[in-house]
Amino acid sequence: MWVQPAMVMTAMPREESEPEDPGPTFCNQFIRLLLVIINLIALMGSLCILVLGTMIMMNHPYLAQMMGQDMFSMAAKIMMASGSFIFVVSFLGCCGALKEIKFMLMLYFIFVALLFMILLAGGVIGLIFMSKAKARVISVMEDALRDYEPDSTNSSFTLALDLLQHKMQCCGIEGQHDWEKFASEFNETGYKIPKSCCKDITSYSLVEECQQNPNEENSHIEGCFSKAISFVTKHSRIIGSVGVSIAMILIFGLFSSLALVKMIDSRYDSV
């Protein structure tokens, strides 16, 4: 009698499954969110610096003439360059945190460290600029008063001085008496102050009266030196405050980026 041999069942080896990513923890999610918020605030701050720097550069060219083109334009360009750099760094930090890309987060860390050095250098340059600007403004304004040509459309200093006095509602360096003191050529015209010192320039008779007999009612009394320095100081403080605030915020970003990189490493190492 033929017996059918028993079929031997051999167990097929199981394929080992790929280890799965356990996913971000609560702490990981919190650090990511914190880093995104930090960089969004820095992003808005950088836009403020950019806009302010551009406005000062474009809307107040007469200040550049009075303070020296090189110093003024350098300060404005450094301001705009800092704003642009902060914008790029903040964008990099946001993307790195949202996508959890280690390379971007490490770049962010390096750039933030560089940013601190730039802000420090900018602060030193700002102090040097302010100390030189005061002496420069007085010297340039004295020369502008001496060489003032009321009917000239070619003299850049005359145009700049007229714009400064008209826009900032001031007259002379320390006051109206500077026109008598420095502007010997202008005094030969018979006028005590130029038209740009007058409050109302719509009527010829009012301008004539103002230039010949200036007083508090028809002309600006305050000197332009204090107003120009006050304007620059005010805007420097605003920019400095925004810059320091961004720097303080980015300190948290610096440590948050390192913490997030370590969390990403430990998460994948544990898999």
C-alpha atoms as a PDB file:
ATOM      1  CA  MET A   1       0.000   0.000   0.000  1.00  0.00           C
ATOM      2  CA  TRP A   2       1.466   3.317  -1.045  1.00  0.00           C
ATOM      3  CA  VAL A   3       1.660   5.996   1.628  1.00  0.00           C
ATOM      4  CA  GLN A   4       1.859   9.613   0.596  1.00  0.00           C
ATOM      5  CA  PRO A   5       4.807  11.237   2.260  1.00  0.00           C
ATOM      6  CA  ALA A   6       3.909  13.930   4.758  1.00  0.00           C
ATOM      7  CA  MET A   7       4.508  17.440   3.521  1.00  0.00           C
ATOM      8  CA  VAL A   8       7.032  19.189   5.622  1.00  0.00           C
ATOM      9  CA  MET A   9       6.057  22.761   6.230  1.00  0.00           C
ATOM     10  CA  THR A  10       9.026  25.022   6.489  1.00  0.00           C
ATOM     11  CA  ALA A  11       8.546  28.419   8.079  1.00  0.00           C
ATOM     12  CA  MET A  12       9.482  31.224   5.765  1.00  0.00           C
ATOM     13  CA  PRO A  13      11.714  33.807   7.421  1.00  0.00           C
ATOM     14  CA  ARG A  14       9.900  37.062   8.250  1.00  0.00           C
ATOM     15  CA  GLU A  15      11.145  40.233   6.744  1.00  0.00           C
ATOM     16  CA  GLU A  16      12.069  42.679   9.439  1.00  0.00           C
ATOM     17  CA  SER A  17      10.018  45.878   9.138  1.00  0.00           C
ATOM     18  CA  GLU A  18      11.697  49.296   8.866  1.00  0.00           C
ATOM     19  CA  PRO A  19      11.808  51.134  12.195  1.00  0.00           C
ATOM     20  CA  GLU A  20       9.258  53.875  12.209  1.00  0.00           C
ATOM     21  CA  ASP A  21       9.878  57.477  13.190  1.00  0.00           C
ATOM     22  CA  PRO A  22       8.187  57.883  16.581  1.00  0.00           C
ATOM     23  CA  GLY A  23       7.272  61.465  15.587  1.00  0.00           C
ATOM     24  CA  PRO A  24       7.936  64.735  17.371  1.00  0.00           C
ATOM     25  CA  THR A  25       7.340  64.913  21.111  1.00  0.00           C
ATOM     26  CA  PHE A  26       5.460  67.697  22.880  1.00  0.00           C
ATOM     27  CA  CYS A  27       8.758  69.334  23.867  1.00  0.00           C
ATOM     28  CA  ASN A  28       9.950  69.122  20.269  1.00  0.00           C
ATOM     29  CA  GLN A  29       6.747  70.758  19.006  1.00  0.00           C
ATOM     30  CA  PHE A  30       7.039  73.495  21.623  1.00  0.00           C
ATOM     31  CA  ILE A  31      10.642  74.362  20.627  1.00  0.00           C
ATOM     32  CA  ARG A  32       9.639  74.431  16.959  1.00  0.00           C
ATOM     33  CA  LEU A  33       6.738  76.780  17.664  1.00  0.00           C
ATOM     34  CA  LEU A  34       8.935  79.016  19.854  1.00  0.00           C
ATOM     35  CA  LEU A  35      11.591  79.244  17.138  1.00  0.00           C
ATOM     36  CA  VAL A  36       9.003  80.137  14.477  1.00  0.00           C
ATOM     37  CA  ILE A  37       7.453  82.877  16.691  1.00  0.00           C
ATOM     38  CA  ILE A  38      10.900  84.305  17.536  1.00  0.00           C
ATOM     39  CA  ASN A  39      11.845  84.534  13.873  1.00  0.00           C
ATOM     40  CA  LEU A  40       8.514  86.020  12.802  1.00  0.00           C
ATOM     41  CA  ILE A  41       9.035  88.831  15.345  1.00  0.00           C
ATOM     42  CA  ALA A  42      12.618  89.318  14.069  1.00  0.00           C
ATOM     43  CA  LEU A  43      11.278  89.315  10.493  1.00  0.00           C
ATOM     44  CA  MET A  44       8.886  92.180  11.268  1.00  0.00           C
ATOM     45  CA  GLY A  45      11.653  94.062  13.092  1.00  0.00           C
ATOM     46  CA  SER A  46      13.979  93.724  10.087  1.00  0.00           C
ATOM     47  CA  LEU A  47      11.281  95.183   7.818  1.00  0.00           C
ATOM     48  CA  CYS A  48      10.944  98.176  10.198  1.00  0.00           C
ATOM     49  CA  ILE A  49      14.718  98.815   9.994  1.00  0.00           C
ATOM     50  CA  LEU A  50      14.656  98.493   6.183  1.00  0.00           C
ATOM     51  CA  VAL A  51      11.732 100.893   5.782  1.00  0.00           C
ATOM     52  CA  LEU A  52      13.165 103.448   8.221  1.00  0.00           C
ATOM     53  CA  GLY A  53      16.609 103.340   6.597  1.00  0.00           C
ATOM     54  CA  THR A  54      15.128 103.775   3.116  1.00  0.00           C
ATOM     55  CA  MET A  55      12.887 106.652   4.251  1.00  0.00           C
ATOM     56  CA  ILE A  56      15.792 108.542   5.846  1.00  0.00           C
ATOM     57  CA  MET A  57      17.961 107.986   2.767  1.00  0.00           C
ATOM     58  CA  MET A  58      15.301 109.012   0.238  1.00  0.00           C
ATOM     59  CA  ASN A  59      13.297 111.704   2.052  1.00  0.00           C
ATOM     60  CA  HIS A  60      16.061 113.695   3.752  1.00  0.00           C
ATOM     61  CA  PRO A  61      18.851 114.237   1.185  1.00  0.00           C
ATOM     62  CA  TYR A  62      19.525 117.723   2.613  1.00  0.00           C
ATOM     63  CA  LEU A  63      20.681 116.103   5.863  1.00  0.00           C
ATOM     64  CA  ALA A  64      23.192 114.048   3.897  1.00  0.00           C
ATOM     65  CA  GLN A  65      24.526 117.279   2.381  1.00  0.00           C
ATOM     66  CA  MET A  66      24.838 118.958   5.771  1.00  0.00           C
ATOM     67  CA  MET A  67      26.367 115.961   7.585  1.00  0.00           C
ATOM     68  CA  GLY A  68      28.618 114.729   4.824  1.00  0.00           C
ATOM     69  CA  GLN A  69      27.511 112.410   2.051  1.00  0.00           C
ATOM     70  CA  ASP A  70      29.969 109.645   2.966  1.00  0.00           C
ATOM     71  CA  MET A  71      29.104 109.383   6.670  1.00  0.00           C
ATOM     72  CA  PHE A  72      25.357 109.718   6.205  1.00  0.00           C
ATOM     73  CA  SER A  73      25.076 107.291   3.280  1.00  0.00           C
ATOM     74  CA  MET A  74      27.355 104.770   5.022  1.00  0.00           C
ATOM     75  CA  ALA A  75      25.171 104.831   8.139  1.00  0.00           C
ATOM     76  CA  ALA A  76      21.979 104.428   6.054  1.00  0.00           C
ATOM     77  CA  LYS A  77      23.499 101.610   3.972  1.00  0.00           C
ATOM     78  CA  ILE A  78      24.675  99.722   7.067  1.00  0.00           C
ATOM     79  CA  MET A  79      21.162 100.094   8.466  1.00  0.00           C
ATOM     80  CA  MET A  80      19.541  98.687   5.312  1.00  0.00           C
ATOM     81  CA  ALA A  81      22.139  95.899   5.000  1.00  0.00           C
ATOM     82  CA  SER A  82      21.502  94.868   8.635  1.00  0.00           C
ATOM     83  CA  GLY A  83      17.743  94.829   8.019  1.00  0.00           C
ATOM     84  CA  SER A  84      18.174  92.671   4.901  1.00  0.00           C
ATOM     85  CA  PHE A  85      20.503  90.258   6.693  1.00  0.00           C
ATOM     86  CA  ILE A  86      18.133  89.889   9.663  1.00  0.00           C
ATOM     87  CA  PHE A  87      15.274  89.236   7.201  1.00  0.00           C
ATOM     88  CA  VAL A  88      17.204  86.402   5.478  1.00  0.00           C
ATOM     89  CA  VAL A  89      18.345  84.885   8.793  1.00  0.00           C
ATOM     90  CA  SER A  90      14.817  84.978  10.241  1.00  0.00           C
ATOM     91  CA  PHE A  91      13.379  83.373   7.098  1.00  0.00           C
ATOM     92  CA  LEU A  92      16.031  80.654   7.310  1.00  0.00           C
ATOM     93  CA  GLY A  93      15.178  80.023  10.967  1.00  0.00           C
ATOM     94  CA  CYS A  94      11.437  79.752  10.216  1.00  0.00           C
ATOM     95  CA  CYS A  95      11.964  77.274   7.360  1.00  0.00           C
ATOM     96  CA  GLY A  96      14.485  75.214   9.326  1.00  0.00           C
ATOM     97  CA  ALA A  97      12.150  74.959  12.326  1.00  0.00           C
ATOM     98  CA  LEU A  98       9.006  74.102  10.320  1.00  0.00           C
ATOM     99  CA  LYS A  99      10.725  71.463   8.145  1.00  0.00           C
ATOM    100  CA  GLU A 100      13.174  70.297  10.839  1.00  0.00           C
ATOM    101  CA  ILE A 101      16.123  70.584   8.455  1.00  0.00           C
ATOM    102  CA  LYS A 102      19.357  70.278  10.456  1.00  0.00           C
ATOM    103  CA  PHE A 103      21.506  71.977   7.803  1.00  0.00           C
ATOM    104  CA  MET A 104      19.288  75.084   7.783  1.00  0.00           C
ATOM    105  CA  LEU A 105      19.166  75.195  11.576  1.00  0.00           C
ATOM    106  CA  MET A 106      22.970  75.013  11.827  1.00  0.00           C
ATOM    107  CA  LEU A 107      23.295  77.771   9.198  1.00  0.00           C
ATOM    108  CA  TYR A 108      20.798  79.787  11.218  1.00  0.00           C
ATOM    109  CA  PHE A 109      22.934  79.337  14.352  1.00  0.00           C
ATOM    110  CA  ILE A 110      26.087  80.529  12.527  1.00  0.00           C
ATOM    111  CA  PHE A 111      24.324  83.520  10.940  1.00  0.00           C
ATOM    112  CA  VAL A 112      22.798  84.635  14.251  1.00  0.00           C
ATOM    113  CA  ALA A 113      26.264  84.528  15.840  1.00  0.00           C
ATOM    114  CA  LEU A 114      27.567  86.670  12.940  1.00  0.00           C
ATOM    115  CA  LEU A 115      24.602  89.018  13.371  1.00  0.00           C
ATOM    116  CA  PHE A 116      25.626  89.781  16.951  1.00  0.00           C
ATOM    117  CA  MET A 117      29.068  90.829  15.701  1.00  0.00           C
ATOM    118  CA  ILE A 118      27.488  93.039  12.996  1.00  0.00           C
ATOM    119  CA  LEU A 119      25.174  94.710  15.524  1.00  0.00           C
ATOM    120  CA  LEU A 120      28.117  95.300  17.854  1.00  0.00           C
ATOM    121  CA  ALA A 121      30.161  96.839  15.014  1.00  0.00           C
ATOM    122  CA  GLY A 122      27.118  98.906  13.963  1.00  0.00           C
ATOM    123  CA  GLY A 123      26.777 100.268  17.507  1.00  0.00           C
ATOM    124  CA  VAL A 124      30.447 101.328  17.585  1.00  0.00           C
ATOM    125  CA  ILE A 125      30.172 102.938  14.112  1.00  0.00           C
ATOM    126  CA  GLY A 126      26.976 104.721  15.247  1.00  0.00           C
ATOM    127  CA  LEU A 127      28.773 106.247  18.246  1.00  0.00           C
ATOM    128  CA  ILE A 128      31.694 107.362  16.058  1.00  0.00           C
ATOM    129  CA  PHE A 129      29.257 108.775  13.474  1.00  0.00           C
ATOM    130  CA  MET A 130      27.358 110.812  16.075  1.00  0.00           C
ATOM    131  CA  SER A 131      30.525 112.290  17.592  1.00  0.00           C
ATOM    132  CA  LYS A 132      31.877 113.255  14.149  1.00  0.00           C
ATOM    133  CA  ALA A 133      28.482 114.371  12.830  1.00  0.00           C
ATOM    134  CA  LYS A 134      28.116 117.180  15.394  1.00  0.00           C
ATOM    135  CA  ALA A 135      31.440 118.777  14.488  1.00  0.00           C
ATOM    136  CA  ARG A 136      30.788 118.160  10.783  1.00  0.00           C
ATOM    137  CA  VAL A 137      27.328 119.791  10.834  1.00  0.00           C
ATOM    138  CA  ILE A 138      28.605 123.008  12.463  1.00  0.00           C
ATOM    139  CA  SER A 139      31.537 123.280  10.039  1.00  0.00           C
ATOM    140  CA  VAL A 140      29.408 122.618   6.925  1.00  0.00           C
ATOM    141  CA  MET A 141      26.626 124.982   8.032  1.00  0.00           C
ATOM    142  CA  GLU A 142      29.094 127.796   8.693  1.00  0.00           C
ATOM    143  CA  ASP A 143      30.519 127.332   5.175  1.00  0.00           C
ATOM    144  CA  ALA A 144      26.987 127.185   3.724  1.00  0.00           C
ATOM    145  CA  LEU A 145      26.072 130.498   5.404  1.00  0.00           C
ATOM    146  CA  ARG A 146      29.260 132.182   4.150  1.00  0.00           C
ATOM    147  CA  ASP A 147      28.716 131.000   0.549  1.00  0.00           C
ATOM    148  CA  TYR A 148      24.929 131.364   0.537  1.00  0.00           C
ATOM    149  CA  GLU A 149      23.546 132.487  -2.856  1.00  0.00           C
ATOM    150  CA  PRO A 150      19.803 133.250  -2.528  1.00  0.00           C
ATOM    151  CA  ASP A 151      19.089 133.275  -6.251  1.00  0.00           C
ATOM    152  CA  SER A 152      21.287 130.314  -7.175  1.00  0.00           C
ATOM    153  CA  THR A 153      19.823 127.034  -8.397  1.00  0.00           C
ATOM    154  CA  ASN A 154      23.230 125.384  -8.895  1.00  0.00           C
ATOM    155  CA  SER A 155      24.718 125.587  -5.403  1.00  0.00           C
ATOM    156  CA  SER A 156      24.004 122.257  -3.662  1.00  0.00           C
ATOM    157  CA  PHE A 157      24.806 123.714  -0.220  1.00  0.00           C
ATOM    158  CA  THR A 158      22.445 126.675  -0.713  1.00  0.00           C
ATOM    159  CA  LEU A 159      19.620 124.354  -1.788  1.00  0.00           C
ATOM    160  CA  ALA A 160      20.348 121.953   1.084  1.00  0.00           C
ATOM    161  CA  LEU A 161      20.389 124.777   3.638  1.00  0.00           C
ATOM    162  CA  ASP A 162      17.125 126.232   2.316  1.00  0.00           C
ATOM    163  CA  LEU A 163      15.478 122.790   2.472  1.00  0.00           C
ATOM    164  CA  LEU A 164      16.820 122.186   5.975  1.00  0.00           C
ATOM    165  CA  GLN A 165      15.475 125.522   7.259  1.00  0.00           C
ATOM    166  CA  HIS A 166      12.115 125.135   5.516  1.00  0.00           C
ATOM    167  CA  LYS A 167      11.473 121.457   6.382  1.00  0.00           C
ATOM    168  CA  MET A 168      12.707 121.621   9.974  1.00  0.00           C
ATOM    169  CA  GLN A 169      11.291 125.103  10.609  1.00  0.00           C
ATOM    170  CA  CYS A 170      14.550 126.553  11.850  1.00  0.00           C
ATOM    171  CA  CYS A 171      16.942 129.393  11.007  1.00  0.00           C
ATOM    172  CA  GLY A 172      20.729 129.620  11.113  1.00  0.00           C
ATOM    173  CA  ILE A 173      22.986 127.341  13.146  1.00  0.00           C
ATOM    174  CA  GLU A 174      22.123 128.392  16.699  1.00  0.00           C
ATOM    175  CA  GLY A 175      19.576 131.019  15.668  1.00  0.00           C
ATOM    176  CA  GLN A 176      18.842 133.937  13.328  1.00  0.00           C
ATOM    177  CA  HIS A 177      21.853 135.934  14.559  1.00  0.00           C
ATOM    178  CA  ASP A 178      24.150 133.500  12.684  1.00  0.00           C
ATOM    179  CA  TRP A 179      23.119 135.101   9.396  1.00  0.00           C
ATOM    180  CA  GLU A 180      24.591 138.389  10.576  1.00  0.00           C
ATOM    181  CA  LYS A 181      27.662 136.679  11.971  1.00  0.00           C
ATOM    182  CA  PHE A 182      28.653 134.423   9.046  1.00  0.00           C
ATOM    183  CA  ALA A 183      26.757 135.489   5.908  1.00  0.00           C
ATOM    184  CA  SER A 184      28.592 138.665   4.963  1.00  0.00           C
ATOM    185  CA  GLU A 185      27.712 138.360   1.252  1.00  0.00           C
ATOM    186  CA  PHE A 186      24.040 137.741   2.025  1.00  0.00           C
ATOM    187  CA  ASN A 187      23.916 140.778   4.342  1.00  0.00           C
ATOM    188  CA  GLU A 188      24.749 142.997   1.359  1.00  0.00           C
ATOM    189  CA  THR A 189      21.275 142.238  -0.048  1.00  0.00           C
ATOM    190  CA  GLY A 190      19.712 144.243   2.800  1.00  0.00           C
ATOM    191  CA  TYR A 191      17.892 141.233   4.243  1.00  0.00           C
ATOM    192  CA  LYS A 192      18.535 139.857   7.724  1.00  0.00           C
ATOM    193  CA  ILE A 193      17.390 136.297   7.013  1.00  0.00           C
ATOM    194  CA  PRO A 194      16.664 134.266   3.842  1.00  0.00           C
ATOM    195  CA  LYS A 195      13.197 133.398   2.576  1.00  0.00           C
ATOM    196  CA  SER A 196      13.485 129.803   3.859  1.00  0.00           C
ATOM    197  CA  CYS A 197      13.448 131.105   7.458  1.00  0.00           C
ATOM    198  CA  CYS A 198      10.003 132.689   7.012  1.00  0.00           C
ATOM    199  CA  LYS A 199       6.821 130.988   8.184  1.00  0.00           C
ATOM    200  CA  ASP A 200       4.534 132.278   5.428  1.00  0.00           C
ATOM    201  CA  ILE A 201       6.062 132.365   1.942  1.00  0.00           C
ATOM    202  CA  THR A 202       2.795 132.642  -0.010  1.00  0.00           C
ATOM    203  CA  SER A 203       2.742 136.445  -0.112  1.00  0.00           C
ATOM    204  CA  TYR A 204       5.554 138.653  -1.460  1.00  0.00           C
ATOM    205  CA  SER A 205       4.807 141.465   1.013  1.00  0.00           C
ATOM    206  CA  LEU A 206       4.838 139.072   3.983  1.00  0.00           C
ATOM    207  CA  VAL A 207       8.155 137.578   2.866  1.00  0.00           C
ATOM    208  CA  GLU A 208       9.674 141.061   2.454  1.00  0.00           C
ATOM    209  CA  GLU A 209       8.534 142.051   5.944  1.00  0.00           C
ATOM    210  CA  CYS A 210       9.836 138.781   7.368  1.00  0.00           C
ATOM    211  CA  GLN A 211      13.278 139.106   5.764  1.00  0.00           C
ATOM    212  CA  GLN A 212      13.714 142.750   6.747  1.00  0.00           C
ATOM    213  CA  ASN A 213      12.165 142.635  10.242  1.00  0.00           C
ATOM    214  CA  PRO A 214      12.167 139.012  11.459  1.00  0.00           C
ATOM    215  CA  ASN A 215      10.384 138.163  14.713  1.00  0.00           C
ATOM    216  CA  GLU A 216       8.760 135.164  16.407  1.00  0.00           C
ATOM    217  CA  GLU A 217       5.453 135.692  14.610  1.00  0.00           C
ATOM    218  CA  ASN A 218       6.706 135.778  11.023  1.00  0.00           C
ATOM    219  CA  SER A 219       9.875 133.623  11.116  1.00  0.00           C
ATOM    220  CA  HIS A 220      11.482 130.553  12.693  1.00  0.00           C
ATOM    221  CA  ILE A 221      13.628 131.420  15.690  1.00  0.00           C
ATOM    222  CA  GLU A 222      15.217 128.110  16.702  1.00  0.00           C
ATOM    223  CA  GLY A 223      18.592 127.153  15.225  1.00  0.00           C
ATOM    224  CA  CYS A 224      18.946 124.240  12.775  1.00  0.00           C
ATOM    225  CA  PHE A 225      21.896 122.543  14.498  1.00  0.00           C
ATOM    226  CA  SER A 226      19.915 121.369  17.509  1.00  0.00           C
ATOM    227  CA  LYS A 227      16.972 120.288  15.323  1.00  0.00           C
ATOM    228  CA  ALA A 228      19.146 118.318  12.884  1.00  0.00           C
ATOM    229  CA  ILE A 229      21.034 116.539  15.686  1.00  0.00           C
ATOM    230  CA  SER A 230      17.750 115.887  17.516  1.00  0.00           C
ATOM    231  CA  PHE A 231      16.269 114.347  14.351  1.00  0.00           C
ATOM    232  CA  VAL A 232      19.267 112.049  13.796  1.00  0.00           C
ATOM    233  CA  THR A 233      19.468 111.113  17.505  1.00  0.00           C
ATOM    234  CA  LYS A 234      15.749 110.315  17.657  1.00  0.00           C
ATOM    235  CA  HIS A 235      15.878 108.016  14.633  1.00  0.00           C
ATOM    236  CA  SER A 236      19.154 106.452  15.817  1.00  0.00           C
ATOM    237  CA  ARG A 237      17.522 105.591  19.130  1.00  0.00           C
ATOM    238  CA  ILE A 238      14.526 104.035  17.372  1.00  0.00           C
ATOM    239  CA  ILE A 239      16.785 101.941  15.132  1.00  0.00           C
ATOM    240  CA  GLY A 240      19.065 101.086  18.066  1.00  0.00           C
ATOM    241  CA  SER A 241      16.095 100.019  20.212  1.00  0.00           C
ATOM    242  CA  VAL A 242      14.713  97.819  17.417  1.00  0.00           C
ATOM    243  CA  GLY A 243      18.191  96.346  16.815  1.00  0.00           C
ATOM    244  CA  VAL A 244      18.790  95.583  20.510  1.00  0.00           C
ATOM    245  CA  SER A 245      15.285  94.084  20.845  1.00  0.00           C
ATOM    246  CA  ILE A 246      15.892  91.829  17.830  1.00  0.00           C
ATOM    247  CA  ALA A 247      19.287  90.811  19.255  1.00  0.00           C
ATOM    248  CA  MET A 248      17.733  89.901  22.615  1.00  0.00           C
ATOM    249  CA  ILE A 249      14.967  87.908  20.911  1.00  0.00           C
ATOM    250  CA  LEU A 250      17.472  86.090  18.683  1.00  0.00           C
ATOM    251  CA  ILE A 251      19.431  84.959  21.759  1.00  0.00           C
ATOM    252  CA  PHE A 252      16.477  82.677  22.463  1.00  0.00           C
ATOM    253  CA  GLY A 253      16.491  81.691  18.803  1.00  0.00           C
ATOM    254  CA  LEU A 254      20.173  80.773  19.047  1.00  0.00           C
ATOM    255  CA  PHE A 255      19.645  78.341  21.925  1.00  0.00           C
ATOM    256  CA  SER A 256      16.303  77.100  20.559  1.00  0.00           C
ATOM    257  CA  SER A 257      17.926  76.114  17.257  1.00  0.00           C
ATOM    258  CA  LEU A 258      20.621  74.118  19.099  1.00  0.00           C
ATOM    259  CA  ALA A 259      18.001  72.447  21.280  1.00  0.00           C
ATOM    260  CA  LEU A 260      15.923  71.510  18.224  1.00  0.00           C
ATOM    261  CA  VAL A 261      18.964  70.011  16.438  1.00  0.00           C
ATOM    262  CA  LYS A 262      19.767  67.894  19.511  1.00  0.00           C
ATOM    263  CA  MET A 263      16.143  66.743  19.746  1.00  0.00           C
ATOM    264  CA  ILE A 264      16.115  65.770  16.059  1.00  0.00           C
ATOM    265  CA  ASP A 265      19.368  63.778  16.555  1.00  0.00           C
ATOM    266  CA  SER A 266      18.147  62.008  19.698  1.00  0.00           C
ATOM    267  CA  ARG A 267      14.791  61.169  18.083  1.00  0.00           C
ATOM    268  CA  TYR A 268      16.402  59.377  15.140  1.00  0.00           C
ATOM    269  CA  ASP A 269      19.107  57.793  17.297  1.00  0.00           C
ATOM    270  CA  SER A 270      16.470  56.159  19.482  1.00  0.00           C
ATOM    271  CA  VAL A 271      14.753  54.532  16.462  1.00  0.00           C
END
